C-alpha atoms as a PDB file:
ATOM      1  CA  MET A   1      45.568 -48.224  56.975  1.00  0.00           C
ATOM      2  CA  ALA A   2      42.153 -48.267  58.570  1.00  0.00           C
ATOM      3  CA  LYS A   3      39.050 -48.696  56.472  1.00  0.00           C
ATOM      4  CA  ILE A   4      36.877 -45.597  56.294  1.00  0.00           C
ATOM      5  CA  GLN A   5      33.336 -46.396  57.376  1.00  0.00           C
ATOM      6  CA  SER A   6      30.498 -45.083  55.238  1.00  0.00           C
ATOM      7  CA  PHE A   7      27.158 -43.932  56.622  1.00  0.00           C
ATOM      8  CA  ALA A   8      25.543 -47.132  55.325  1.00  0.00           C
ATOM      9  CA  ASP A   9      28.084 -49.248  57.241  1.00  0.00           C
ATOM     10  CA  LYS A  10      27.403 -47.323  60.443  1.00  0.00           C
ATOM     11  CA  ALA A  11      23.626 -47.593  59.974  1.00  0.00           C
ATOM     12  CA  ALA A  12      23.887 -51.339  59.355  1.00  0.00           C
ATOM     13  CA  LYS A  13      25.928 -51.767  62.515  1.00  0.00           C
ATOM     14  CA  LEU A  14      23.374 -49.804  64.543  1.00  0.00           C
ATOM     15  CA  ALA A  15      20.523 -51.796  62.995  1.00  0.00           C
ATOM     16  CA  LYS A  16      22.073 -55.005  64.315  1.00  0.00           C
ATOM     17  CA  LYS A  17      22.084 -53.536  67.813  1.00  0.00           C
ATOM     18  CA  HIS A  18      18.463 -52.395  67.563  1.00  0.00           C
ATOM     19  CA  GLU A  19      16.874 -55.334  65.772  1.00  0.00           C
ATOM     20  CA  GLY A  20      14.107 -55.470  68.360  1.00  0.00           C
ATOM     21  CA  MET A  21      10.596 -55.184  67.079  1.00  0.00           C
ATOM     22  CA  VAL A  22       8.302 -52.479  68.457  1.00  0.00           C
ATOM     23  CA  ILE A  23       4.598 -51.715  68.122  1.00  0.00           C
ATOM     24  CA  CYS A  24       3.854 -48.743  65.847  1.00  0.00           C
ATOM     25  CA  PRO A  25       1.324 -46.461  67.602  1.00  0.00           C
ATOM     26  CA  ASP A  26      -0.386 -45.497  64.315  1.00  0.00           C
ATOM     27  CA  THR A  27      -0.950 -48.960  62.836  1.00  0.00           C
ATOM     28  CA  ASN A  28      -0.839 -51.022  66.080  1.00  0.00           C
ATOM     29  CA  LYS A  29       1.298 -53.573  64.237  1.00  0.00           C
ATOM     30  CA  GLU A  30       4.764 -54.873  65.025  1.00  0.00           C
ATOM     31  CA  THR A  31       7.437 -53.072  62.988  1.00  0.00           C
ATOM     32  CA  ARG A  32      11.184 -52.422  62.929  1.00  0.00           C
ATOM     33  CA  ILE A  33      12.977 -49.169  63.666  1.00  0.00           C
ATOM     34  CA  VAL A  34      15.027 -47.787  60.734  1.00  0.00           C
ATOM     35  CA  ASN A  35      17.898 -45.300  60.925  1.00  0.00           C
ATOM     36  CA  VAL A  36      17.595 -42.490  58.349  1.00  0.00           C
ATOM     37  CA  ARG A  37      19.408 -39.241  57.586  1.00  0.00           C
ATOM     38  CA  LEU A  38      17.160 -36.190  57.135  1.00  0.00           C
ATOM     39  CA  VAL A  39      18.483 -33.325  55.017  1.00  0.00           C
ATOM     40  CA  GLU A  40      16.662 -30.003  55.159  1.00  0.00           C
ATOM     41  CA  ALA A  41      17.432 -27.189  52.692  1.00  0.00           C
ATOM     42  CA  ILE A  42      17.119 -23.706  54.190  1.00  0.00           C
ATOM     43  CA  LYS A  43      17.410 -20.547  52.100  1.00  0.00           C
ATOM     44  CA  THR A  44      19.668 -17.906  53.690  1.00  0.00           C
ATOM     45  CA  ASP A  45      19.227 -14.137  53.565  1.00  0.00           C
ATOM     46  CA  LYS A  46      21.820 -13.896  50.777  1.00  0.00           C
ATOM     47  CA  GLY A  47      19.812 -16.257  48.573  1.00  0.00           C
ATOM     48  CA  SER A  48      22.062 -19.290  48.848  1.00  0.00           C
ATOM     49  CA  TYR A  49      21.006 -22.580  50.433  1.00  0.00           C
ATOM     50  CA  LYS A  50      22.251 -24.162  53.622  1.00  0.00           C
ATOM     51  CA  PHE A  51      21.722 -27.856  54.316  1.00  0.00           C
ATOM     52  CA  LEU A  52      20.977 -29.142  57.809  1.00  0.00           C
ATOM     53  CA  LYS A  53      21.668 -32.859  58.197  1.00  0.00           C
ATOM     54  CA  ARG A  54      20.549 -35.000  61.098  1.00  0.00           C
ATOM     55  CA  ASN A  55      20.237 -38.698  61.814  1.00  0.00           C
ATOM     56  CA  THR A  56      17.031 -40.012  63.321  1.00  0.00           C
ATOM     57  CA  ARG A  57      15.135 -43.248  63.818  1.00  0.00           C
ATOM     58  CA  VAL A  58      11.716 -43.882  62.252  1.00  0.00           C
ATOM     59  CA  TYR A  59       9.109 -46.641  62.153  1.00  0.00           C
ATOM     60  CA  GLU A  60       9.520 -48.780  59.026  1.00  0.00           C
ATOM     61  CA  SER A  61       5.755 -49.032  58.432  1.00  0.00           C
ATOM     62  CA  THR A  62       4.852 -45.308  58.574  1.00  0.00           C
ATOM     63  CA  TYR A  63       8.228 -43.481  58.483  1.00  0.00           C
ATOM     64  CA  LYS A  64       7.186 -41.326  61.432  1.00  0.00           C
ATOM     65  CA  GLN A  65       9.807 -40.406  64.006  1.00  0.00           C
ATOM     66  CA  TYR A  66      10.435 -42.955  66.764  1.00  0.00           C
ATOM     67  CA  ASN A  67      10.275 -41.595  70.309  1.00  0.00           C
ATOM     68  CA  PRO A  68      11.318 -44.195  72.919  1.00  0.00           C
END
């Protein structure tokens, strides 16, 4: 049977591909890019909550979204 990959395994694999250092525009220092999963809770009309999940890349120094 095949091993089921977790999100952490996938993020670690992507981090190896993108180990390049970039300059953060806010701090003007060299920093890494980190993969994170953002979860946003939205209240529906019925009163229940719906969760929107998305993966994005952020600067490690400021945690602001990375735009290549």
